[in-house]
Amino acid sequence: MRRLIVLLAAGLLLSACGETPHPTTEPRVKLKLDAPDSGGTTRDDHIAVSGTVTPADATVQVMGVSAQVSAGAFTADVKLQPGGNVIDITASSAGRRSATDAVRFVRDMRVDVPNVLFQSPDDATAALKDAGLVGVVEESDTWLDRLLGAPQVCATRPAAGAAVARGSKVTLETARAC
């Protein structure tokens, strides 16, 4: 048994001998991102990616598509998918090791509730529909109040400016006088 252990140890020592890894002597391409900052959010369907690369004649790919490079500065327009996006950037040049980076960005699909205060219920409902929302009219006047004058929107739930999911219901509180 002891002889077997000695043989195994000798075999392990001999197998570790041989080639030693050589460090790569090729210089690395330098890649610096200027925009956008990682972790940002936008409601746009695309985003501009820009930065610099050294050497100035290096090629840059953003999401696998060649970016415009001029005097070491690059730009690319990237289409964003709804939700989280990871944008990969790779720079390469002959005789150099490639450089890579990634930017994480979120495309927010929510819409803002438009300000429809003091509009007629019909106009407010149409404005909400144009924004991708559903207006629900809640009347607080009596039938007599409606005969005396046209109702108008006095408040919305959620309030104007609130970010909500497309297709959400927005309650329109109406009255003859707000």
N, C-alpha and C. Protein backbone atom coordinates (compact mmCIF):
# COMPACT_ATOMS: atom_id res chain seq x y z
N MET A 1 0.81 -1.19 0.00
CA MET A 1 0.00 0.00 0.00
C MET A 1 0.86 1.26 0.00
N ARG A 2 1.95 1.20 0.84
CA ARG A 2 2.83 2.35 0.93
C ARG A 2 3.54 2.57 -0.41
N ARG A 3 3.86 1.49 -1.07
CA ARG A 3 4.53 1.58 -2.37
C ARG A 3 3.61 2.23 -3.41
N LEU A 4 2.31 1.93 -3.35
CA LEU A 4 1.33 2.51 -4.27
C LEU A 4 1.23 4.02 -4.06
N ILE A 5 1.24 4.46 -2.82
CA ILE A 5 1.15 5.90 -2.52
C ILE A 5 2.39 6.62 -3.04
N VAL A 6 3.58 6.03 -2.87
CA VAL A 6 4.81 6.64 -3.35
C VAL A 6 4.78 6.74 -4.87
N LEU A 7 4.30 5.70 -5.55
CA LEU A 7 4.21 5.72 -7.01
C LEU A 7 3.22 6.79 -7.50
N LEU A 8 2.09 6.90 -6.82
CA LEU A 8 1.13 7.94 -7.21
C LEU A 8 1.69 9.34 -7.01
N ALA A 9 2.39 9.56 -5.89
CA ALA A 9 2.98 10.87 -5.62
C ALA A 9 4.04 11.20 -6.67
N ALA A 10 4.87 10.23 -7.03
CA ALA A 10 5.90 10.45 -8.04
C ALA A 10 5.25 10.76 -9.40
N GLY A 11 4.18 10.07 -9.72
CA GLY A 11 3.47 10.32 -10.97
C GLY A 11 2.88 11.73 -11.02
N LEU A 12 2.34 12.17 -9.92
CA LEU A 12 1.80 13.53 -9.87
C LEU A 12 2.90 14.57 -10.03
N LEU A 13 4.04 14.35 -9.40
CA LEU A 13 5.15 15.29 -9.53
C LEU A 13 5.65 15.36 -10.95
N LEU A 14 5.78 14.22 -11.59
CA LEU A 14 6.28 14.19 -12.96
C LEU A 14 5.28 14.79 -13.94
N SER A 15 4.00 14.60 -13.69
CA SER A 15 3.00 15.16 -14.61
C SER A 15 2.95 16.68 -14.52
N ALA A 16 3.35 17.26 -13.41
CA ALA A 16 3.36 18.70 -13.25
C ALA A 16 4.56 19.34 -13.92
N CYS A 17 5.55 18.53 -14.24
CA CYS A 17 6.73 19.06 -14.91
C CYS A 17 6.43 19.26 -16.38
N GLY A 18 7.23 20.03 -17.02
CA GLY A 18 7.04 20.22 -18.46
C GLY A 18 6.84 21.68 -18.77
N GLU A 19 5.83 21.95 -19.57
CA GLU A 19 5.61 23.31 -20.02
C GLU A 19 5.16 24.21 -18.87
N THR A 20 5.76 25.35 -18.84
CA THR A 20 5.29 26.37 -17.91
C THR A 20 4.53 27.38 -18.74
N PRO A 21 3.43 27.89 -18.22
CA PRO A 21 2.66 28.85 -19.02
C PRO A 21 3.47 30.12 -19.25
N HIS A 22 3.44 30.59 -20.46
CA HIS A 22 4.14 31.82 -20.82
C HIS A 22 3.15 32.97 -20.80
N PRO A 23 3.48 34.06 -20.13
CA PRO A 23 2.56 35.19 -20.15
C PRO A 23 2.46 35.76 -21.56
N THR A 24 1.30 36.23 -21.91
CA THR A 24 1.08 36.81 -23.22
C THR A 24 1.85 38.13 -23.30
N THR A 25 2.61 38.27 -24.36
CA THR A 25 3.40 39.49 -24.52
C THR A 25 2.69 40.51 -25.39
N GLU A 26 1.59 40.12 -26.00
CA GLU A 26 0.85 41.05 -26.84
C GLU A 26 0.18 42.11 -25.96
N PRO A 27 0.27 43.37 -26.36
CA PRO A 27 -0.44 44.40 -25.59
C PRO A 27 -1.94 44.27 -25.80
N ARG A 28 -2.70 44.77 -24.86
CA ARG A 28 -4.15 44.70 -24.92
C ARG A 28 -4.70 46.00 -25.55
N VAL A 29 -5.76 45.86 -26.32
CA VAL A 29 -6.47 47.03 -26.83
C VAL A 29 -7.09 47.74 -25.63
N LYS A 30 -7.03 49.07 -25.61
CA LYS A 30 -7.64 49.84 -24.52
C LYS A 30 -9.01 50.33 -24.98
N LEU A 31 -10.01 50.06 -24.15
CA LEU A 31 -11.40 50.40 -24.44
C LEU A 31 -11.95 51.21 -23.27
N LYS A 32 -12.47 52.39 -23.57
CA LYS A 32 -13.06 53.24 -22.52
C LYS A 32 -14.45 53.67 -22.99
N LEU A 33 -15.47 53.37 -22.17
CA LEU A 33 -16.84 53.76 -22.50
C LEU A 33 -17.13 55.14 -21.91
N ASP A 34 -17.70 56.01 -22.73
CA ASP A 34 -18.10 57.34 -22.26
C ASP A 34 -19.59 57.38 -21.93
N ALA A 35 -20.40 56.71 -22.73
CA ALA A 35 -21.85 56.73 -22.51
C ALA A 35 -22.44 55.45 -23.06
N PRO A 36 -23.47 54.94 -22.50
CA PRO A 36 -24.18 55.40 -21.31
C PRO A 36 -23.53 54.82 -20.05
N ASP A 37 -23.91 55.35 -18.91
CA ASP A 37 -23.48 54.77 -17.65
C ASP A 37 -24.26 53.48 -17.41
N SER A 38 -23.58 52.47 -16.93
CA SER A 38 -24.24 51.20 -16.67
C SER A 38 -25.24 51.36 -15.53
N GLY A 39 -26.36 50.67 -15.64
CA GLY A 39 -27.38 50.70 -14.61
C GLY A 39 -28.45 51.75 -14.83
N GLY A 40 -28.43 52.42 -15.98
CA GLY A 40 -29.41 53.47 -16.25
C GLY A 40 -30.74 52.92 -16.74
N THR A 41 -31.69 53.84 -16.87
CA THR A 41 -33.04 53.51 -17.32
C THR A 41 -33.48 54.55 -18.35
N THR A 42 -34.20 54.09 -19.35
CA THR A 42 -34.76 55.00 -20.36
C THR A 42 -36.10 54.46 -20.82
N ARG A 43 -36.90 55.33 -21.38
CA ARG A 43 -38.15 54.90 -22.00
C ARG A 43 -38.03 54.87 -23.52
N ASP A 44 -36.86 55.30 -24.04
CA ASP A 44 -36.62 55.26 -25.48
C ASP A 44 -36.41 53.82 -25.93
N ASP A 45 -36.58 53.58 -27.23
CA ASP A 45 -36.41 52.23 -27.75
C ASP A 45 -34.99 51.98 -28.26
N HIS A 46 -34.11 52.99 -28.14
CA HIS A 46 -32.72 52.82 -28.54
C HIS A 46 -31.84 53.71 -27.65
N ILE A 47 -30.54 53.45 -27.72
CA ILE A 47 -29.59 54.22 -26.91
C ILE A 47 -28.28 54.35 -27.68
N ALA A 48 -27.61 55.48 -27.50
CA ALA A 48 -26.31 55.71 -28.14
C ALA A 48 -25.21 55.23 -27.22
N VAL A 49 -24.30 54.43 -27.77
CA VAL A 49 -23.13 53.94 -27.04
C VAL A 49 -21.92 54.62 -27.66
N SER A 50 -21.05 55.20 -26.82
CA SER A 50 -19.87 55.88 -27.34
C SER A 50 -18.70 55.70 -26.40
N GLY A 51 -17.51 55.90 -26.96
CA GLY A 51 -16.31 55.77 -26.16
C GLY A 51 -15.08 55.96 -27.02
N THR A 52 -13.92 55.57 -26.45
CA THR A 52 -12.66 55.68 -27.17
C THR A 52 -11.95 54.34 -27.14
N VAL A 53 -11.06 54.16 -28.12
CA VAL A 53 -10.32 52.92 -28.25
C VAL A 53 -8.89 53.24 -28.69
N THR A 54 -7.93 52.49 -28.13
CA THR A 54 -6.53 52.63 -28.51
C THR A 54 -6.03 51.25 -28.87
N PRO A 55 -5.41 51.05 -30.01
CA PRO A 55 -5.00 52.04 -31.00
C PRO A 55 -6.20 52.61 -31.76
N ALA A 56 -5.98 53.76 -32.36
CA ALA A 56 -7.07 54.50 -33.00
C ALA A 56 -7.68 53.76 -34.18
N ASP A 57 -6.95 52.81 -34.77
CA ASP A 57 -7.50 52.07 -35.92
C ASP A 57 -8.13 50.74 -35.52
N ALA A 58 -8.35 50.54 -34.23
CA ALA A 58 -8.99 49.30 -33.76
C ALA A 58 -10.42 49.22 -34.27
N THR A 59 -10.93 48.01 -34.38
CA THR A 59 -12.33 47.82 -34.76
C THR A 59 -13.14 47.59 -33.49
N VAL A 60 -14.36 48.10 -33.49
CA VAL A 60 -15.24 47.98 -32.33
C VAL A 60 -16.55 47.37 -32.79
N GLN A 61 -17.02 46.39 -32.02
CA GLN A 61 -18.33 45.81 -32.28
C GLN A 61 -19.19 46.02 -31.04
N VAL A 62 -20.41 46.49 -31.28
CA VAL A 62 -21.38 46.67 -30.21
C VAL A 62 -22.55 45.75 -30.52
N MET A 63 -22.79 44.81 -29.64
CA MET A 63 -23.83 43.79 -29.84
C MET A 63 -23.60 43.03 -31.15
N GLY A 64 -22.32 42.79 -31.49
CA GLY A 64 -21.98 42.03 -32.68
C GLY A 64 -22.03 42.79 -33.97
N VAL A 65 -22.33 44.09 -33.93
CA VAL A 65 -22.42 44.93 -35.12
C VAL A 65 -21.28 45.95 -35.09
N SER A 66 -20.61 46.12 -36.23
CA SER A 66 -19.50 47.07 -36.29
C SER A 66 -19.95 48.48 -35.97
N ALA A 67 -19.19 49.14 -35.11
CA ALA A 67 -19.47 50.53 -34.75
C ALA A 67 -18.61 51.45 -35.61
N GLN A 68 -19.03 52.70 -35.74
CA GLN A 68 -18.25 53.70 -36.45
C GLN A 68 -17.06 54.09 -35.57
N VAL A 69 -15.84 54.00 -36.11
CA VAL A 69 -14.64 54.40 -35.38
C VAL A 69 -13.93 55.46 -36.21
N SER A 70 -13.64 56.60 -35.58
CA SER A 70 -12.94 57.68 -36.25
C SER A 70 -11.94 58.28 -35.27
N ALA A 71 -10.66 58.17 -35.60
CA ALA A 71 -9.58 58.72 -34.78
C ALA A 71 -9.66 58.21 -33.34
N GLY A 72 -10.03 56.96 -33.18
CA GLY A 72 -10.08 56.36 -31.85
C GLY A 72 -11.38 56.56 -31.10
N ALA A 73 -12.31 57.32 -31.64
CA ALA A 73 -13.63 57.51 -30.99
C ALA A 73 -14.65 56.65 -31.73
N PHE A 74 -15.51 55.98 -30.96
CA PHE A 74 -16.53 55.14 -31.61
C PHE A 74 -17.92 55.51 -31.11
N THR A 75 -18.90 55.25 -31.97
CA THR A 75 -20.31 55.45 -31.63
C THR A 75 -21.12 54.33 -32.27
N ALA A 76 -22.21 54.00 -31.62
CA ALA A 76 -23.15 53.01 -32.15
C ALA A 76 -24.52 53.27 -31.55
N ASP A 77 -25.55 53.02 -32.33
CA ASP A 77 -26.92 53.14 -31.87
C ASP A 77 -27.45 51.73 -31.65
N VAL A 78 -27.95 51.45 -30.45
CA VAL A 78 -28.37 50.10 -30.09
C VAL A 78 -29.86 50.10 -29.80
N LYS A 79 -30.59 49.19 -30.44
CA LYS A 79 -32.02 49.03 -30.18
C LYS A 79 -32.18 48.27 -28.86
N LEU A 80 -33.06 48.78 -27.99
CA LEU A 80 -33.28 48.17 -26.68
C LEU A 80 -34.55 47.33 -26.69
N GLN A 81 -34.49 46.22 -26.00
CA GLN A 81 -35.66 45.37 -25.78
C GLN A 81 -36.35 45.83 -24.50
N PRO A 82 -37.65 45.58 -24.35
CA PRO A 82 -38.31 45.94 -23.09
C PRO A 82 -37.65 45.23 -21.90
N GLY A 83 -37.49 45.95 -20.82
CA GLY A 83 -36.88 45.38 -19.62
C GLY A 83 -35.37 45.53 -19.64
N GLY A 84 -34.67 44.58 -19.00
CA GLY A 84 -33.23 44.64 -18.87
C GLY A 84 -32.50 44.29 -20.15
N ASN A 85 -31.42 45.02 -20.42
CA ASN A 85 -30.59 44.80 -21.60
C ASN A 85 -29.12 44.76 -21.16
N VAL A 86 -28.35 43.86 -21.74
CA VAL A 86 -26.90 43.84 -21.54
C VAL A 86 -26.29 44.13 -22.91
N ILE A 87 -25.56 45.22 -23.00
CA ILE A 87 -24.95 45.66 -24.25
C ILE A 87 -23.47 45.30 -24.20
N ASP A 88 -23.03 44.39 -25.07
CA ASP A 88 -21.65 43.94 -25.12
C ASP A 88 -20.86 44.77 -26.11
N ILE A 89 -19.64 45.19 -25.71
CA ILE A 89 -18.76 45.97 -26.57
C ILE A 89 -17.42 45.24 -26.63
N THR A 90 -16.91 45.00 -27.85
CA THR A 90 -15.64 44.33 -28.04
C THR A 90 -14.78 45.18 -28.98
N ALA A 91 -13.51 45.40 -28.57
CA ALA A 91 -12.56 46.13 -29.40
C ALA A 91 -11.40 45.21 -29.72
N SER A 92 -10.97 45.22 -30.99
CA SER A 92 -9.86 44.36 -31.39
C SER A 92 -8.97 45.06 -32.40
N SER A 93 -7.71 44.60 -32.46
CA SER A 93 -6.75 45.15 -33.40
C SER A 93 -5.71 44.05 -33.66
N ALA A 94 -5.20 44.00 -34.86
CA ALA A 94 -4.22 42.98 -35.23
C ALA A 94 -3.00 43.07 -34.32
N GLY A 95 -2.55 41.91 -33.82
CA GLY A 95 -1.36 41.86 -32.99
C GLY A 95 -1.60 42.26 -31.55
N ARG A 96 -2.85 42.44 -31.16
CA ARG A 96 -3.17 42.84 -29.78
C ARG A 96 -4.28 41.94 -29.25
N ARG A 97 -4.32 41.85 -27.92
CA ARG A 97 -5.41 41.11 -27.28
C ARG A 97 -6.65 41.99 -27.27
N SER A 98 -7.79 41.39 -27.49
CA SER A 98 -9.06 42.12 -27.52
C SER A 98 -9.43 42.61 -26.13
N ALA A 99 -10.26 43.66 -26.11
CA ALA A 99 -10.81 44.18 -24.86
C ALA A 99 -12.32 44.12 -24.96
N THR A 100 -12.98 43.79 -23.87
CA THR A 100 -14.44 43.73 -23.86
C THR A 100 -14.98 44.48 -22.65
N ASP A 101 -16.21 44.91 -22.78
CA ASP A 101 -16.92 45.57 -21.68
C ASP A 101 -18.41 45.34 -21.91
N ALA A 102 -19.19 45.62 -20.91
CA ALA A 102 -20.64 45.45 -21.03
C ALA A 102 -21.33 46.56 -20.24
N VAL A 103 -22.46 46.99 -20.75
CA VAL A 103 -23.28 48.00 -20.10
C VAL A 103 -24.65 47.39 -19.86
N ARG A 104 -25.17 47.57 -18.67
CA ARG A 104 -26.53 47.11 -18.36
C ARG A 104 -27.45 48.31 -18.36
N PHE A 105 -28.56 48.19 -19.09
CA PHE A 105 -29.50 49.29 -19.22
C PHE A 105 -30.92 48.74 -19.26
N VAL A 106 -31.86 49.48 -18.68
CA VAL A 106 -33.25 49.04 -18.60
C VAL A 106 -34.11 49.94 -19.48
N ARG A 107 -34.94 49.30 -20.30
CA ARG A 107 -35.94 50.05 -21.06
C ARG A 107 -37.24 49.95 -20.28
N ASP A 108 -37.65 51.08 -19.72
CA ASP A 108 -38.86 51.18 -18.91
C ASP A 108 -40.06 51.35 -19.85
N MET A 109 -40.99 50.44 -19.77
CA MET A 109 -42.14 50.46 -20.68
C MET A 109 -43.36 51.18 -20.10
N ARG A 110 -43.19 51.79 -18.93
CA ARG A 110 -44.32 52.50 -18.34
C ARG A 110 -44.58 53.80 -19.09
N VAL A 111 -45.79 54.33 -18.93
CA VAL A 111 -46.16 55.61 -19.52
C VAL A 111 -46.61 56.55 -18.39
N ASP A 112 -46.47 57.85 -18.63
CA ASP A 112 -46.91 58.84 -17.65
C ASP A 112 -48.38 59.14 -17.86
N VAL A 113 -49.10 59.28 -16.75
CA VAL A 113 -50.51 59.69 -16.83
C VAL A 113 -50.52 61.16 -17.27
N PRO A 114 -51.20 61.47 -18.39
CA PRO A 114 -51.22 62.87 -18.84
C PRO A 114 -52.10 63.74 -17.94
N ASN A 115 -51.82 65.04 -17.95
CA ASN A 115 -52.63 65.98 -17.18
C ASN A 115 -53.90 66.28 -17.99
N VAL A 116 -55.04 65.81 -17.48
CA VAL A 116 -56.32 66.02 -18.17
C VAL A 116 -57.29 66.82 -17.30
N LEU A 117 -56.76 67.50 -16.28
CA LEU A 117 -57.62 68.28 -15.38
C LEU A 117 -58.34 69.37 -16.16
N PHE A 118 -59.60 69.58 -15.80
CA PHE A 118 -60.49 70.61 -16.35
C PHE A 118 -60.89 70.34 -17.80
N GLN A 119 -60.60 69.15 -18.31
CA GLN A 119 -61.08 68.76 -19.64
C GLN A 119 -62.42 68.06 -19.50
N SER A 120 -63.15 67.98 -20.60
CA SER A 120 -64.39 67.22 -20.58
C SER A 120 -64.04 65.74 -20.42
N PRO A 121 -64.97 64.94 -19.88
CA PRO A 121 -64.70 63.51 -19.75
C PRO A 121 -64.35 62.85 -21.08
N ASP A 122 -65.01 63.26 -22.17
CA ASP A 122 -64.72 62.67 -23.48
C ASP A 122 -63.31 63.02 -23.95
N ASP A 123 -62.93 64.30 -23.80
CA ASP A 123 -61.58 64.71 -24.22
C ASP A 123 -60.51 64.04 -23.36
N ALA A 124 -60.77 63.93 -22.06
CA ALA A 124 -59.81 63.30 -21.14
C ALA A 124 -59.66 61.82 -21.47
N THR A 125 -60.76 61.15 -21.74
CA THR A 125 -60.72 59.73 -22.09
C THR A 125 -59.94 59.52 -23.38
N ALA A 126 -60.13 60.41 -24.36
CA ALA A 126 -59.40 60.31 -25.62
C ALA A 126 -57.90 60.54 -25.41
N ALA A 127 -57.53 61.50 -24.56
CA ALA A 127 -56.12 61.77 -24.28
C ALA A 127 -55.48 60.57 -23.58
N LEU A 128 -56.21 59.94 -22.67
CA LEU A 128 -55.69 58.76 -21.99
C LEU A 128 -55.50 57.60 -22.97
N LYS A 129 -56.46 57.45 -23.88
CA LYS A 129 -56.36 56.39 -24.89
C LYS A 129 -55.14 56.61 -25.77
N ASP A 130 -54.88 57.87 -26.15
CA ASP A 130 -53.70 58.18 -26.97
C ASP A 130 -52.40 57.82 -26.24
N ALA A 131 -52.42 57.89 -24.91
CA ALA A 131 -51.24 57.56 -24.11
C ALA A 131 -51.15 56.06 -23.81
N GLY A 132 -52.12 55.28 -24.29
CA GLY A 132 -52.11 53.85 -24.04
C GLY A 132 -52.76 53.45 -22.73
N LEU A 133 -53.62 54.33 -22.20
CA LEU A 133 -54.29 54.08 -20.93
C LEU A 133 -55.80 54.01 -21.13
N VAL A 134 -56.50 53.52 -20.12
CA VAL A 134 -57.95 53.38 -20.18
C VAL A 134 -58.57 54.32 -19.15
N GLY A 135 -59.42 55.24 -19.63
CA GLY A 135 -60.09 56.17 -18.71
C GLY A 135 -61.40 55.61 -18.22
N VAL A 136 -61.62 55.71 -16.91
CA VAL A 136 -62.88 55.28 -16.29
C VAL A 136 -63.48 56.51 -15.62
N VAL A 137 -64.64 56.93 -16.10
CA VAL A 137 -65.27 58.15 -15.58
C VAL A 137 -66.04 57.84 -14.31
N GLU A 138 -65.78 58.64 -13.29
CA GLU A 138 -66.48 58.53 -12.00
C GLU A 138 -67.15 59.88 -11.75
N GLU A 139 -68.46 59.89 -11.87
CA GLU A 139 -69.20 61.14 -11.73
C GLU A 139 -69.63 61.33 -10.28
N SER A 140 -69.41 62.55 -9.76
CA SER A 140 -69.80 62.82 -8.38
C SER A 140 -70.99 63.77 -8.31
N ASP A 141 -71.43 64.30 -9.45
CA ASP A 141 -72.59 65.20 -9.46
C ASP A 141 -73.89 64.42 -9.57
N THR A 142 -74.96 65.09 -9.26
CA THR A 142 -76.30 64.51 -9.45
C THR A 142 -76.76 64.80 -10.86
N TRP A 143 -77.86 64.20 -11.25
CA TRP A 143 -78.37 64.42 -12.60
C TRP A 143 -78.75 65.88 -12.80
N LEU A 144 -79.18 66.56 -11.75
CA LEU A 144 -79.55 67.97 -11.85
C LEU A 144 -78.31 68.83 -12.12
N ASP A 145 -77.20 68.50 -11.45
CA ASP A 145 -75.95 69.25 -11.68
C ASP A 145 -75.51 69.10 -13.13
N ARG A 146 -75.67 67.92 -13.70
CA ARG A 146 -75.26 67.70 -15.09
C ARG A 146 -76.13 68.47 -16.06
N LEU A 147 -77.41 68.72 -15.70
CA LEU A 147 -78.28 69.51 -16.56
C LEU A 147 -77.87 70.98 -16.56
N LEU A 148 -77.31 71.43 -15.46
CA LEU A 148 -76.95 72.84 -15.32
C LEU A 148 -75.62 73.19 -15.97
N GLY A 149 -74.79 72.24 -16.27
CA GLY A 149 -73.50 72.53 -16.91
C GLY A 149 -72.76 71.25 -17.22
N ALA A 150 -71.83 71.38 -18.11
CA ALA A 150 -71.04 70.21 -18.53
C ALA A 150 -70.03 69.87 -17.44
N PRO A 151 -69.88 68.57 -17.16
CA PRO A 151 -68.89 68.16 -16.16
C PRO A 151 -67.46 68.30 -16.72
N GLN A 152 -66.53 68.40 -15.80
CA GLN A 152 -65.12 68.44 -16.17
C GLN A 152 -64.33 67.54 -15.22
N VAL A 153 -63.13 67.20 -15.62
CA VAL A 153 -62.29 66.33 -14.78
C VAL A 153 -61.67 67.19 -13.68
N CYS A 154 -61.93 66.78 -12.44
CA CYS A 154 -61.40 67.51 -11.28
C CYS A 154 -60.16 66.83 -10.69
N ALA A 155 -60.03 65.53 -10.88
CA ALA A 155 -58.88 64.79 -10.35
C ALA A 155 -58.76 63.47 -11.09
N THR A 156 -57.55 62.90 -11.05
CA THR A 156 -57.33 61.57 -11.63
C THR A 156 -56.66 60.69 -10.58
N ARG A 157 -56.96 59.40 -10.68
CA ARG A 157 -56.30 58.39 -9.83
C ARG A 157 -55.76 57.31 -10.75
N PRO A 158 -54.48 57.15 -10.86
CA PRO A 158 -53.39 57.88 -10.24
C PRO A 158 -53.27 59.30 -10.78
N ALA A 159 -52.52 60.14 -10.07
CA ALA A 159 -52.39 61.55 -10.42
C ALA A 159 -51.59 61.73 -11.71
N ALA A 160 -51.78 62.88 -12.32
CA ALA A 160 -51.03 63.23 -13.53
C ALA A 160 -49.54 63.17 -13.24
N GLY A 161 -48.79 62.61 -14.19
CA GLY A 161 -47.35 62.49 -14.05
C GLY A 161 -46.90 61.16 -13.47
N ALA A 162 -47.81 60.40 -12.88
CA ALA A 162 -47.43 59.09 -12.33
C ALA A 162 -47.10 58.13 -13.46
N ALA A 163 -46.07 57.32 -13.27
CA ALA A 163 -45.69 56.31 -14.26
C ALA A 163 -46.45 55.02 -13.98
N VAL A 164 -47.19 54.55 -14.98
CA VAL A 164 -48.00 53.34 -14.84
C VAL A 164 -47.78 52.44 -16.06
N ALA A 165 -48.15 51.19 -15.92
CA ALA A 165 -48.03 50.24 -17.02
C ALA A 165 -49.02 50.60 -18.13
N ARG A 166 -48.57 50.42 -19.37
CA ARG A 166 -49.45 50.65 -20.52
C ARG A 166 -50.68 49.78 -20.36
N GLY A 167 -51.87 50.33 -20.64
CA GLY A 167 -53.13 49.60 -20.52
C GLY A 167 -53.78 49.74 -19.15
N SER A 168 -53.14 50.47 -18.23
CA SER A 168 -53.70 50.66 -16.88
C SER A 168 -54.95 51.52 -16.94
N LYS A 169 -55.81 51.32 -15.94
CA LYS A 169 -57.01 52.15 -15.81
C LYS A 169 -56.70 53.39 -15.00
N VAL A 170 -57.23 54.52 -15.47
CA VAL A 170 -57.09 55.80 -14.77
C VAL A 170 -58.50 56.30 -14.49
N THR A 171 -58.79 56.51 -13.22
CA THR A 171 -60.10 56.98 -12.82
C THR A 171 -60.16 58.49 -12.97
N LEU A 172 -61.21 58.95 -13.65
CA LEU A 172 -61.43 60.39 -13.85
C LEU A 172 -62.55 60.83 -12.93
N GLU A 173 -62.24 61.63 -11.93
CA GLU A 173 -63.27 62.17 -11.03
C GLU A 173 -63.79 63.44 -11.67
N THR A 174 -65.10 63.44 -11.96
CA THR A 174 -65.69 64.59 -12.66
C THR A 174 -66.74 65.27 -11.80
N ALA A 175 -66.93 66.55 -12.08
CA ALA A 175 -67.97 67.35 -11.43
C ALA A 175 -68.22 68.56 -12.32
N ARG A 176 -69.35 69.22 -12.06
CA ARG A 176 -69.67 70.44 -12.83
C ARG A 176 -68.71 71.54 -12.44
N ALA A 177 -68.39 71.65 -11.18
CA ALA A 177 -67.44 72.66 -10.70
C ALA A 177 -66.43 71.97 -9.78
N CYS A 178 -65.17 72.21 -10.02
CA CYS A 178 -64.11 71.58 -9.23
C CYS A 178 -63.73 72.44 -8.04
